[in-house]
N, C-alpha and C. Protein backbone atom coordinates (compact mmCIF):
# COMPACT_ATOMS: atom_id res chain seq x y z
N GLU A 1 -1.51 -24.35 -25.94
CA GLU A 1 -0.93 -24.47 -24.79
C GLU A 1 0.66 -23.41 -25.25
N ASP A 2 0.86 -24.01 -26.02
CA ASP A 2 2.28 -22.98 -26.32
C ASP A 2 1.83 -21.65 -26.80
N LYS A 3 1.06 -21.11 -27.26
CA LYS A 3 0.39 -19.69 -27.77
C LYS A 3 0.06 -18.92 -26.08
N LEU A 4 0.06 -19.45 -25.83
CA LEU A 4 -0.22 -18.84 -24.13
C LEU A 4 1.35 -18.36 -23.45
N THR A 5 0.91 -16.90 -22.78
CA THR A 5 2.09 -16.33 -22.15
C THR A 5 1.66 -15.69 -20.70
N TYR A 6 2.13 -16.13 -19.40
CA TYR A 6 1.84 -16.65 -18.32
C TYR A 6 2.48 -14.70 -17.72
N LEU A 7 1.66 -13.19 -17.41
CA LEU A 7 2.21 -12.55 -16.99
C LEU A 7 2.07 -11.93 -15.76
N PRO A 8 2.23 -12.29 -14.63
CA PRO A 8 1.95 -11.60 -13.04
C PRO A 8 1.17 -10.68 -12.73
N ASN A 9 1.88 -9.42 -13.55
CA ASN A 9 1.31 -8.35 -13.58
C ASN A 9 2.07 -7.82 -14.17
N GLY A 10 2.34 -6.11 -14.70
CA GLY A 10 3.56 -5.79 -15.04
C GLY A 10 2.97 -4.47 -14.99
N ILE A 11 4.16 -4.05 -15.45
CA ILE A 11 4.29 -1.85 -15.08
C ILE A 11 5.51 -1.96 -16.16
N ASP A 12 5.75 -0.85 -16.86
CA ASP A 12 6.58 -0.28 -17.89
C ASP A 12 8.00 0.23 -17.64
N PRO A 13 9.15 -0.93 -17.36
CA PRO A 13 10.43 -0.73 -16.95
C PRO A 13 10.80 0.57 -17.02
N VAL A 14 10.57 1.19 -18.19
CA VAL A 14 11.56 2.36 -18.80
C VAL A 14 10.79 3.75 -18.27
N GLU A 15 9.83 3.61 -17.55
CA GLU A 15 8.47 4.70 -17.25
C GLU A 15 8.93 4.44 -15.89
N PHE A 16 9.55 3.43 -15.32
CA PHE A 16 9.96 3.25 -13.17
C PHE A 16 11.72 3.07 -13.65
N THR A 17 12.32 4.01 -14.47
CA THR A 17 13.64 4.35 -14.27
C THR A 17 14.06 5.58 -13.65
N PRO A 18 15.11 5.02 -12.77
CA PRO A 18 15.02 6.59 -12.07
C PRO A 18 15.60 7.98 -13.00
N ARG A 19 15.24 8.62 -12.24
CA ARG A 19 15.63 10.00 -13.33
C ARG A 19 16.84 10.81 -12.24
N GLN A 20 16.89 10.50 -11.19
CA GLN A 20 17.29 11.39 -10.19
C GLN A 20 18.71 10.68 -9.48
N ASP A 21 19.45 11.04 -8.53
CA ASP A 21 20.07 10.06 -7.58
C ASP A 21 19.33 10.25 -6.52
N ARG A 22 19.43 9.76 -5.55
CA ARG A 22 19.10 9.53 -4.06
C ARG A 22 18.79 11.29 -3.60
N TRP A 23 20.66 11.77 -3.05
CA TRP A 23 20.58 12.36 -2.83
C TRP A 23 19.59 13.70 -3.57
N THR A 24 19.58 13.62 -4.54
CA THR A 24 18.60 14.98 -5.42
C THR A 24 17.22 14.76 -4.83
N ALA A 25 16.69 13.50 -4.94
CA ALA A 25 15.39 13.10 -4.99
C ALA A 25 14.86 13.67 -2.91
N ARG A 26 15.89 13.26 -2.05
CA ARG A 26 15.91 13.91 -1.25
C ARG A 26 15.53 15.24 -0.59
N HIS A 27 17.05 15.92 -1.01
CA HIS A 27 16.75 17.24 -0.89
C HIS A 27 15.47 18.21 -1.90
N SER A 28 14.56 17.38 -2.19
CA SER A 28 13.83 17.90 -3.15
C SER A 28 12.17 17.39 -2.52
N LEU A 29 12.50 16.64 -1.30
CA LEU A 29 11.59 16.13 0.18
C LEU A 29 11.53 16.53 0.83
N GLY A 30 12.49 17.55 1.32
CA GLY A 30 13.08 18.01 2.58
C GLY A 30 14.24 17.08 3.13
N ILE A 31 14.71 15.90 3.05
CA ILE A 31 15.00 14.75 3.56
C ILE A 31 16.42 14.96 3.96
N ALA A 32 17.04 14.37 4.83
CA ALA A 32 18.12 14.92 5.35
C ALA A 32 19.34 14.02 4.75
N ARG A 33 20.34 13.84 4.22
CA ARG A 33 21.11 12.47 3.38
C ARG A 33 21.48 11.60 4.52
N ASP A 34 21.70 11.73 6.03
CA ASP A 34 22.11 10.81 6.91
C ASP A 34 21.11 9.86 6.78
N ARG A 35 19.83 10.47 7.04
CA ARG A 35 18.72 9.63 7.06
C ARG A 35 18.53 7.60 6.17
N LEU A 36 17.87 7.07 6.75
CA LEU A 36 17.19 5.73 6.40
C LEU A 36 16.20 5.84 6.13
N VAL A 37 15.66 5.97 4.87
CA VAL A 37 14.07 6.09 4.69
C VAL A 37 13.89 4.44 4.12
N ILE A 38 12.66 4.39 4.70
CA ILE A 38 11.91 3.38 4.59
C ILE A 38 10.59 4.07 3.97
N GLY A 39 10.20 3.75 3.11
CA GLY A 39 8.91 3.94 2.60
C GLY A 39 7.74 3.01 2.81
N VAL A 40 6.17 3.44 2.57
CA VAL A 40 5.16 2.36 2.43
C VAL A 40 4.28 3.56 1.60
N VAL A 41 4.08 2.29 0.18
CA VAL A 41 3.44 3.42 -0.80
C VAL A 41 1.73 2.87 -0.37
N GLY A 42 0.85 3.21 -0.12
CA GLY A 42 -0.31 2.47 -0.47
C GLY A 42 -1.79 3.30 0.84
N ARG A 43 -2.77 2.50 0.50
CA ARG A 43 -3.59 3.15 0.77
C ARG A 43 -3.58 3.36 2.33
N LEU A 44 -3.93 4.06 3.25
CA LEU A 44 -3.57 3.87 4.63
C LEU A 44 -5.15 3.22 4.56
N SER A 45 -5.21 1.78 5.13
CA SER A 45 -6.27 1.38 5.36
C SER A 45 -6.11 -0.20 6.18
N ALA A 46 -6.86 -0.70 6.89
CA ALA A 46 -6.35 -1.60 7.61
C ALA A 46 -5.98 -2.64 7.26
N GLU A 47 -6.49 -3.50 5.32
CA GLU A 47 -5.35 -4.10 5.33
C GLU A 47 -4.29 -4.21 4.95
N LYS A 48 -3.71 -2.93 4.92
CA LYS A 48 -2.99 -2.61 4.26
C LYS A 48 -1.53 -2.53 5.57
N GLY A 49 -1.80 -2.73 6.73
CA GLY A 49 -1.25 -3.32 7.56
C GLY A 49 -0.31 -1.90 8.31
N VAL A 50 -0.44 -1.07 7.62
CA VAL A 50 0.68 0.18 8.39
C VAL A 50 1.17 0.73 9.36
N ASP A 51 0.02 0.59 10.08
CA ASP A 51 0.14 0.13 11.74
C ASP A 51 1.44 -1.08 12.14
N ARG A 52 2.04 -2.01 11.15
CA ARG A 52 2.81 -2.95 11.68
C ARG A 52 4.13 -2.14 11.02
N ALA A 53 4.03 -1.39 10.31
CA ALA A 53 5.36 -0.55 9.19
C ALA A 53 5.57 0.12 10.85
N ILE A 54 4.68 1.04 11.29
CA ILE A 54 4.76 1.73 12.60
C ILE A 54 5.58 1.35 13.52
N ARG A 55 5.13 0.15 14.04
CA ARG A 55 5.26 -1.10 15.45
C ARG A 55 7.00 -1.39 14.61
N THR A 56 7.26 -1.41 13.62
CA THR A 56 8.47 -2.25 12.96
C THR A 56 9.52 -0.83 13.60
N LEU A 57 9.26 0.35 13.05
CA LEU A 57 9.83 2.04 12.67
C LEU A 57 10.45 1.20 14.57
N ALA A 58 9.36 1.36 15.64
CA ALA A 58 9.70 1.35 16.20
C ALA A 58 10.44 0.89 17.19
N ARG A 59 10.79 -0.84 16.92
CA ARG A 59 11.39 -1.93 17.52
C ARG A 59 13.01 -1.54 16.47
N LEU A 60 12.82 -0.66 15.66
CA LEU A 60 14.07 -0.66 14.43
C LEU A 60 14.50 0.82 15.48
N ARG A 61 14.48 1.68 15.90
CA ARG A 61 15.26 3.18 16.15
C ARG A 61 16.34 2.49 17.19
N PRO A 62 15.90 1.96 18.24
CA PRO A 62 17.34 2.25 19.25
C PRO A 62 18.94 1.42 18.39
N ALA A 63 18.49 0.76 17.36
CA ALA A 63 19.31 0.18 16.76
C ALA A 63 19.53 1.69 15.31
N PHE A 64 19.11 1.66 14.87
CA PHE A 64 19.00 2.82 13.52
C PHE A 64 18.24 3.91 14.03
N PRO A 65 18.80 5.20 14.62
CA PRO A 65 18.32 5.96 15.21
C PRO A 65 18.45 7.05 14.42
N GLN A 66 18.37 6.70 13.03
CA GLN A 66 18.38 8.19 11.68
C GLN A 66 17.64 7.39 10.99
N ALA A 67 16.73 6.05 11.36
CA ALA A 67 15.70 5.42 10.39
C ALA A 67 14.07 6.49 10.42
N GLU A 68 14.11 6.34 9.04
CA GLU A 68 12.51 7.25 9.32
C GLU A 68 11.43 6.53 8.16
N LEU A 69 10.21 6.63 8.89
CA LEU A 69 9.38 6.01 7.94
C LEU A 69 8.29 6.90 7.22
N HIS A 70 8.35 6.84 6.09
CA HIS A 70 7.40 7.96 4.90
C HIS A 70 6.74 7.04 4.41
N LEU A 71 5.04 7.60 4.72
CA LEU A 71 4.07 7.03 3.95
C LEU A 71 3.44 7.80 2.80
N ILE A 72 3.38 7.55 1.89
CA ILE A 72 3.00 8.01 0.42
C ILE A 72 1.59 7.25 0.31
N GLY A 73 0.45 8.14 0.91
CA GLY A 73 -1.10 7.27 0.73
C GLY A 73 -1.74 8.21 1.72
N ASP A 74 -3.08 8.17 1.33
CA ASP A 74 -4.02 8.70 2.36
C ASP A 74 -5.11 7.32 2.18
N GLY A 75 -5.85 7.74 3.47
CA GLY A 75 -7.10 6.86 3.65
C GLY A 75 -7.47 7.12 5.21
N PRO A 76 -8.91 6.10 5.29
CA PRO A 76 -9.60 6.17 6.52
C PRO A 76 -8.58 5.94 7.54
N MET A 77 -7.07 5.44 8.09
CA MET A 77 -6.89 4.91 9.17
C MET A 77 -5.90 6.04 9.45
N ARG A 78 -5.83 7.29 9.01
CA ARG A 78 -4.58 7.83 8.87
C ARG A 78 -4.47 8.94 10.48
N ALA A 79 -5.43 9.13 10.88
CA ALA A 79 -5.35 9.52 12.33
C ALA A 79 -5.32 8.81 13.40
N ASP A 80 -5.71 7.39 13.15
CA ASP A 80 -5.28 6.10 13.90
C ASP A 80 -3.76 6.05 14.05
N LEU A 81 -3.31 6.00 12.43
CA LEU A 81 -1.66 6.07 12.41
C LEU A 81 -0.71 7.12 12.89
N GLU A 82 -1.36 8.13 13.60
CA GLU A 82 -0.33 9.50 13.91
C GLU A 82 -0.83 9.64 14.82
N ALA A 83 -1.77 9.09 15.62
CA ALA A 83 -1.97 8.39 17.22
C ALA A 83 -0.95 7.64 17.46
N LEU A 84 -1.42 6.43 16.74
CA LEU A 84 -0.27 4.73 17.36
C LEU A 84 1.21 6.01 16.87
N ALA A 85 1.75 6.58 15.96
CA ALA A 85 3.21 7.11 16.06
C ALA A 85 3.36 7.77 17.32
N ARG A 86 2.25 8.81 17.69
CA ARG A 86 2.92 9.81 18.69
C ARG A 86 3.05 8.57 20.16
N GLU A 87 1.51 7.53 20.35
CA GLU A 87 1.95 6.86 21.07
C GLU A 87 2.71 5.59 21.48
N LEU A 88 3.79 5.55 20.33
CA LEU A 88 5.05 4.83 20.51
C LEU A 88 6.39 5.52 20.24
N GLY A 89 5.99 7.21 20.18
CA GLY A 89 7.01 7.88 19.83
C GLY A 89 8.01 7.69 19.42
N VAL A 90 7.53 7.83 17.72
CA VAL A 90 8.28 7.82 16.69
C VAL A 90 7.35 8.45 15.52
N ALA A 91 6.98 9.60 16.11
CA ALA A 91 5.95 10.92 15.23
C ALA A 91 6.98 11.70 14.76
N ASP A 92 7.83 11.98 15.31
CA ASP A 92 9.36 12.94 14.84
C ASP A 92 10.08 12.14 13.48
N ALA A 93 9.80 10.91 14.09
CA ALA A 93 11.04 9.70 12.73
C ALA A 93 9.81 9.31 11.60
N MET A 94 8.78 10.01 11.44
CA MET A 94 7.54 9.79 9.98
C MET A 94 7.24 11.02 9.62
N ARG A 95 6.80 10.76 8.22
CA ARG A 95 6.60 11.75 7.56
C ARG A 95 4.91 11.28 6.68
N PHE A 96 3.93 11.79 7.14
CA PHE A 96 2.93 11.41 6.12
C PHE A 96 2.74 12.13 4.48
N HIS A 97 3.28 11.79 3.69
CA HIS A 97 3.02 12.58 2.55
C HIS A 97 1.62 13.10 1.98
N GLY A 98 0.34 12.37 2.35
CA GLY A 98 -0.83 12.34 1.41
C GLY A 98 -0.74 11.12 0.01
N TRP A 99 -2.16 11.51 -0.53
CA TRP A 99 -1.91 10.70 -1.53
C TRP A 99 -1.21 11.42 -2.84
N GLN A 100 -0.49 10.81 -3.77
CA GLN A 100 0.57 11.31 -4.61
C GLN A 100 0.19 11.01 -6.09
N LYS A 101 -0.14 11.14 -7.12
CA LYS A 101 -0.55 10.77 -7.97
C LYS A 101 0.85 9.99 -9.37
N ASP A 102 2.48 10.32 -8.08
CA ASP A 102 3.20 9.67 -9.31
C ASP A 102 4.46 9.46 -7.97
N ALA A 103 4.54 8.64 -7.51
CA ALA A 103 5.28 8.53 -6.37
C ALA A 103 6.85 8.03 -6.44
N ARG A 104 7.35 8.08 -7.86
CA ARG A 104 8.47 7.42 -8.36
C ARG A 104 9.66 8.53 -7.68
N GLY A 105 9.72 10.08 -7.22
CA GLY A 105 10.34 10.86 -6.90
C GLY A 105 10.56 10.39 -5.28
N PHE A 106 9.56 9.30 -4.81
CA PHE A 106 9.17 8.86 -3.16
C PHE A 106 10.29 7.80 -3.56
N TYR A 107 10.12 6.87 -4.56
CA TYR A 107 10.84 5.73 -4.58
C TYR A 107 12.24 6.22 -4.60
N GLU A 108 12.37 7.56 -5.70
CA GLU A 108 14.30 7.84 -5.74
C GLU A 108 14.91 8.02 -4.34
N ALA A 109 14.14 8.76 -2.93
CA ALA A 109 14.59 8.95 -2.22
C ALA A 109 14.70 7.60 -1.41
N MET A 110 14.06 6.65 -1.16
CA MET A 110 14.00 5.46 -0.16
C MET A 110 15.54 4.40 -0.37
N ASP A 111 15.17 4.29 1.14
CA ASP A 111 16.54 2.91 0.81
C ASP A 111 16.20 1.58 1.27
N LEU A 112 14.44 1.81 1.35
CA LEU A 112 14.10 0.36 1.09
C LEU A 112 13.01 0.71 1.32
N LEU A 113 11.63 0.19 0.59
CA LEU A 113 10.08 0.35 0.90
C LEU A 113 9.51 -1.42 1.11
N LEU A 114 8.75 -0.90 2.45
CA LEU A 114 8.34 -1.58 3.45
C LEU A 114 6.70 -1.91 2.48
N LEU A 115 6.41 -3.01 2.62
CA LEU A 115 4.82 -3.70 2.20
C LEU A 115 4.69 -4.65 3.28
N PRO A 116 3.89 -3.86 4.25
CA PRO A 116 3.25 -4.88 5.57
C PRO A 116 1.87 -5.00 5.48
N SER A 117 1.13 -5.15 3.61
CA SER A 117 -0.07 -6.08 3.81
C SER A 117 -0.64 -7.16 4.70
N HIS A 118 -1.28 -7.18 4.92
CA HIS A 118 -2.30 -8.39 5.61
C HIS A 118 -2.80 -9.55 4.21
N THR A 119 -2.96 -8.85 3.07
CA THR A 119 -3.20 -9.29 2.01
C THR A 119 -3.37 -8.51 0.79
N GLU A 120 -3.06 -9.01 -0.35
CA GLU A 120 -2.69 -8.51 -1.36
C GLU A 120 -2.50 -9.87 -2.78
N GLY A 121 -2.61 -9.12 -3.86
CA GLY A 121 -2.31 -9.69 -4.98
C GLY A 121 -1.65 -9.82 -5.70
N MET A 122 -1.09 -9.48 -6.44
CA MET A 122 0.35 -9.36 -7.39
C MET A 122 0.29 -7.63 -7.06
N PRO A 123 0.98 -7.03 -5.93
CA PRO A 123 1.28 -5.41 -5.93
C PRO A 123 2.03 -4.72 -6.41
N ASN A 124 1.49 -3.77 -7.40
CA ASN A 124 1.91 -3.18 -8.50
C ASN A 124 3.42 -2.52 -7.59
N VAL A 125 3.20 -1.77 -6.26
CA VAL A 125 4.13 -1.12 -5.62
C VAL A 125 5.40 -1.43 -5.37
N VAL A 126 5.57 -3.51 -5.36
CA VAL A 126 6.41 -3.86 -5.54
C VAL A 126 7.49 -4.11 -6.60
N LEU A 127 6.23 -4.06 -7.71
CA LEU A 127 7.36 -4.08 -9.16
C LEU A 127 7.88 -2.75 -8.84
N GLU A 128 6.95 -1.50 -8.78
CA GLU A 128 7.78 -0.49 -8.71
C GLU A 128 8.94 -0.21 -8.18
N ALA A 129 8.89 -0.51 -7.05
CA ALA A 129 10.49 -0.86 -5.99
C ALA A 129 11.44 -1.32 -6.91
N MET A 130 11.20 -2.55 -7.25
CA MET A 130 11.56 -3.29 -8.02
C MET A 130 12.85 -2.76 -8.80
N ALA A 131 11.58 -2.01 -10.11
CA ALA A 131 12.25 -1.58 -11.56
C ALA A 131 13.17 -0.23 -10.89
N MET A 132 12.50 1.03 -9.84
CA MET A 132 13.17 1.99 -9.46
C MET A 132 14.74 1.46 -8.83
N GLY A 133 15.09 0.32 -8.69
CA GLY A 133 16.65 -0.29 -8.32
C GLY A 133 15.91 0.20 -6.09
N VAL A 134 15.06 0.06 -5.66
CA VAL A 134 14.52 0.05 -4.45
C VAL A 134 14.58 -1.09 -3.29
N PRO A 135 15.63 -1.34 -2.46
CA PRO A 135 15.30 -3.17 -2.19
C PRO A 135 13.88 -3.03 -1.32
N VAL A 136 13.67 -4.37 -1.31
CA VAL A 136 12.09 -4.34 -0.87
C VAL A 136 12.06 -4.68 0.45
N ALA A 137 10.90 -5.37 1.47
CA ALA A 137 11.03 -6.35 2.49
C ALA A 137 9.57 -5.94 2.12
N ALA A 138 8.64 -7.49 2.27
CA ALA A 138 7.17 -7.20 2.17
C ALA A 138 6.87 -8.00 2.23
N THR A 139 5.56 -8.87 3.06
CA THR A 139 4.85 -10.05 3.70
C THR A 139 4.60 -11.03 2.94
N HIS A 140 4.54 -11.99 3.28
CA HIS A 140 4.30 -12.99 2.40
C HIS A 140 3.14 -13.08 1.99
N VAL A 141 2.21 -12.60 1.21
CA VAL A 141 1.17 -12.46 0.97
C VAL A 141 0.94 -12.20 -0.78
N GLY A 142 -0.09 -12.89 -1.07
CA GLY A 142 -0.38 -13.19 -2.26
C GLY A 142 1.14 -13.60 -3.24
N GLY A 143 1.36 -13.18 -3.95
CA GLY A 143 2.61 -13.18 -5.31
C GLY A 143 3.42 -12.55 -4.90
N VAL A 144 3.92 -12.11 -3.51
CA VAL A 144 5.12 -11.57 -3.28
C VAL A 144 5.94 -12.19 -2.90
N SER A 145 6.26 -13.19 -2.80
CA SER A 145 7.19 -14.68 -2.97
C SER A 145 7.77 -14.64 -3.97
N GLU A 146 7.00 -14.71 -5.31
CA GLU A 146 7.38 -14.77 -6.84
C GLU A 146 7.67 -13.72 -7.23
N LEU A 147 7.20 -12.74 -7.12
CA LEU A 147 7.87 -11.36 -7.16
C LEU A 147 9.22 -11.44 -6.63
N LEU A 148 9.75 -11.52 -5.99
CA LEU A 148 10.76 -11.48 -5.06
C LEU A 148 12.01 -12.37 -5.14
N ASP A 149 10.99 -13.30 -5.86
CA ASP A 149 11.87 -14.76 -6.26
C ASP A 149 12.32 -15.90 -5.16
N GLY A 150 11.42 -15.50 -4.34
CA GLY A 150 11.75 -16.27 -2.77
C GLY A 150 13.03 -15.61 -2.14
N GLY A 151 13.03 -14.45 -1.87
CA GLY A 151 13.81 -13.80 -1.37
C GLY A 151 15.30 -13.24 -1.86
N ARG A 152 15.70 -13.52 -3.46
CA ARG A 152 16.59 -13.02 -3.58
C ARG A 152 16.43 -11.75 -3.74
N CYS A 153 15.77 -11.16 -4.55
CA CYS A 153 15.44 -9.94 -4.96
C CYS A 153 14.57 -8.73 -3.71
N GLY A 154 14.45 -9.53 -2.21
CA GLY A 154 14.04 -8.72 -1.89
C GLY A 154 13.45 -9.71 -0.53
N ALA A 155 13.67 -9.22 0.66
CA ALA A 155 12.94 -10.20 1.92
C ALA A 155 11.78 -10.08 2.09
N VAL A 156 11.16 -11.13 2.23
CA VAL A 156 10.15 -12.29 2.43
C VAL A 156 9.60 -11.89 3.80
N LEU A 157 8.90 -11.13 4.32
CA LEU A 157 8.56 -10.86 6.15
C LEU A 157 7.62 -12.15 6.05
N THR A 158 8.35 -13.12 6.94
CA THR A 158 6.69 -13.79 7.91
C THR A 158 6.81 -13.73 8.89
N GLY A 159 5.88 -14.06 9.58
CA GLY A 159 4.83 -14.26 11.09
C GLY A 159 5.08 -12.74 11.66
N GLU A 160 4.69 -12.41 12.90
CA GLU A 160 4.53 -10.98 13.08
C GLU A 160 5.38 -9.79 12.97
N PRO A 161 5.30 -8.87 13.31
CA PRO A 161 6.01 -8.02 12.81
C PRO A 161 7.56 -7.91 13.93
N ALA A 162 7.26 -8.36 14.67
CA ALA A 162 8.64 -8.72 15.77
C ALA A 162 9.63 -9.01 14.78
N ALA A 163 9.24 -9.86 14.25
CA ALA A 163 10.39 -11.06 14.02
C ALA A 163 10.85 -10.23 12.29
N TRP A 164 10.00 -9.18 11.86
CA TRP A 164 10.38 -8.59 10.38
C TRP A 164 11.97 -7.86 10.80
N VAL A 165 11.67 -7.10 11.97
CA VAL A 165 13.22 -6.18 12.77
C VAL A 165 14.53 -6.57 12.64
N GLN A 166 14.88 -8.65 11.97
CA GLN A 166 16.12 -8.81 12.06
C GLN A 166 15.97 -8.90 10.67
N PRO A 167 15.03 -9.22 9.50
CA PRO A 167 15.84 -9.17 8.08
C PRO A 167 15.92 -7.71 7.64
N ILE A 168 14.87 -6.64 8.01
CA ILE A 168 15.01 -5.21 7.96
C ILE A 168 16.05 -4.63 8.64
N ALA A 169 16.61 -5.01 9.16
CA ALA A 169 18.08 -4.10 10.16
C ALA A 169 19.28 -4.62 9.15
N ARG A 170 19.31 -6.43 8.47
CA ARG A 170 20.48 -6.51 7.79
C ARG A 170 20.15 -5.65 6.95
N LEU A 171 19.16 -5.59 6.15
CA LEU A 171 19.23 -4.71 5.22
C LEU A 171 19.87 -3.56 5.22
N LEU A 172 18.79 -2.38 6.29
CA LEU A 172 19.54 -1.44 6.34
C LEU A 172 20.77 -1.06 7.08
N GLY A 173 21.38 -1.60 7.39
CA GLY A 173 23.17 -1.97 7.93
C GLY A 173 23.96 -2.51 6.65
N ASP A 174 23.57 -2.74 6.05
CA ASP A 174 24.39 -3.42 4.49
C ASP A 174 24.17 -2.74 3.56
N ASP A 175 24.91 -1.11 2.92
CA ASP A 175 24.68 -0.65 1.78
C ASP A 175 25.02 -1.97 0.68
N THR A 176 26.01 -2.36 0.73
CA THR A 176 26.07 -3.36 -0.45
C THR A 176 25.47 -4.65 -0.58
N GLU A 177 24.12 -5.50 0.26
CA GLU A 177 23.90 -6.29 -0.14
C GLU A 177 22.41 -5.36 -0.45
N ARG A 178 21.82 -4.47 -0.23
CA ARG A 178 20.72 -3.43 -0.36
C ARG A 178 21.29 -3.22 -2.00
N ASP A 179 22.23 -2.63 -2.47
CA ASP A 179 22.58 -2.54 -3.81
C ASP A 179 23.01 -3.89 -4.44
N ARG A 180 23.00 -4.78 -4.08
CA ARG A 180 23.04 -5.93 -4.54
C ARG A 180 21.91 -6.66 -5.04
N MET A 181 21.16 -6.53 -3.98
CA MET A 181 19.77 -6.80 -3.93
C MET A 181 18.71 -5.72 -4.90
N ALA A 182 18.60 -4.61 -4.96
CA ALA A 182 17.87 -4.01 -5.86
C ALA A 182 18.48 -4.16 -7.62
N ARG A 183 20.07 -4.47 -7.70
CA ARG A 183 19.95 -5.07 -9.06
C ARG A 183 19.55 -5.87 -9.63
N ARG A 184 19.30 -6.80 -8.95
CA ARG A 184 18.37 -8.38 -9.14
C ARG A 184 16.68 -7.92 -9.42
N ALA A 185 16.44 -7.34 -8.69
CA ALA A 185 15.19 -6.87 -8.69
C ALA A 185 15.37 -6.42 -10.03
N ARG A 186 15.68 -4.90 -10.29
CA ARG A 186 15.90 -4.73 -11.37
C ARG A 186 15.74 -5.33 -12.42
N ASN A 187 16.91 -6.34 -12.21
CA ASN A 187 16.89 -7.22 -13.17
C ASN A 187 15.41 -8.12 -13.89
N ARG A 188 14.88 -8.48 -12.87
CA ARG A 188 14.02 -9.14 -12.69
C ARG A 188 12.67 -8.70 -13.59
N VAL A 189 12.23 -7.54 -12.84
CA VAL A 189 11.61 -6.72 -13.62
C VAL A 189 11.13 -6.66 -14.87
N GLU A 190 12.95 -6.44 -15.18
CA GLU A 190 13.27 -6.29 -17.26
C GLU A 190 13.26 -7.54 -17.22
N LEU A 191 12.73 -8.83 -17.04
CA LEU A 191 12.33 -10.10 -17.11
C LEU A 191 11.24 -10.87 -17.57
N PHE A 192 10.14 -9.82 -16.66
CA PHE A 192 8.54 -9.75 -16.72
C PHE A 192 8.07 -9.09 -18.08
């Protein structure tokens, strides 16, 4: 046993180090400086729960009209998700970026990564966001709580999406807490 080392999952924290500031990243993606950017990185399929992210955006918009949801990924549910966004009246606050070979520029533009999945193992997107200094709000699935150190390095979302609004709003409304959480998350990734 003394020769074994447990690595839950891993990424290269040097590879996932910000190379540009948030404003430069946003400018290159055509995102206004005053937006609050919530990103979802992943396949647009049922198990990823992206519909829950759209519903959460709709609930957040009255308090955060500057919030936008950016979806980085593609998949079989894209048309259904676009229809849901129109139905909920948030299509104007969403961007579908499609599949991307490299998501680093998107992480650099985010205020928050949202992982709305129904199921996961040890999601690399959470590790990548943590390494990039992006605060994370993620559902309590798989190894997410372990990655986020029980909520110290990100918000662990439980229950239905209606219950997610409060912890996400707390992060969106507090730049200082987002920065503090992002630093703790980056330090945690470096320890892995």
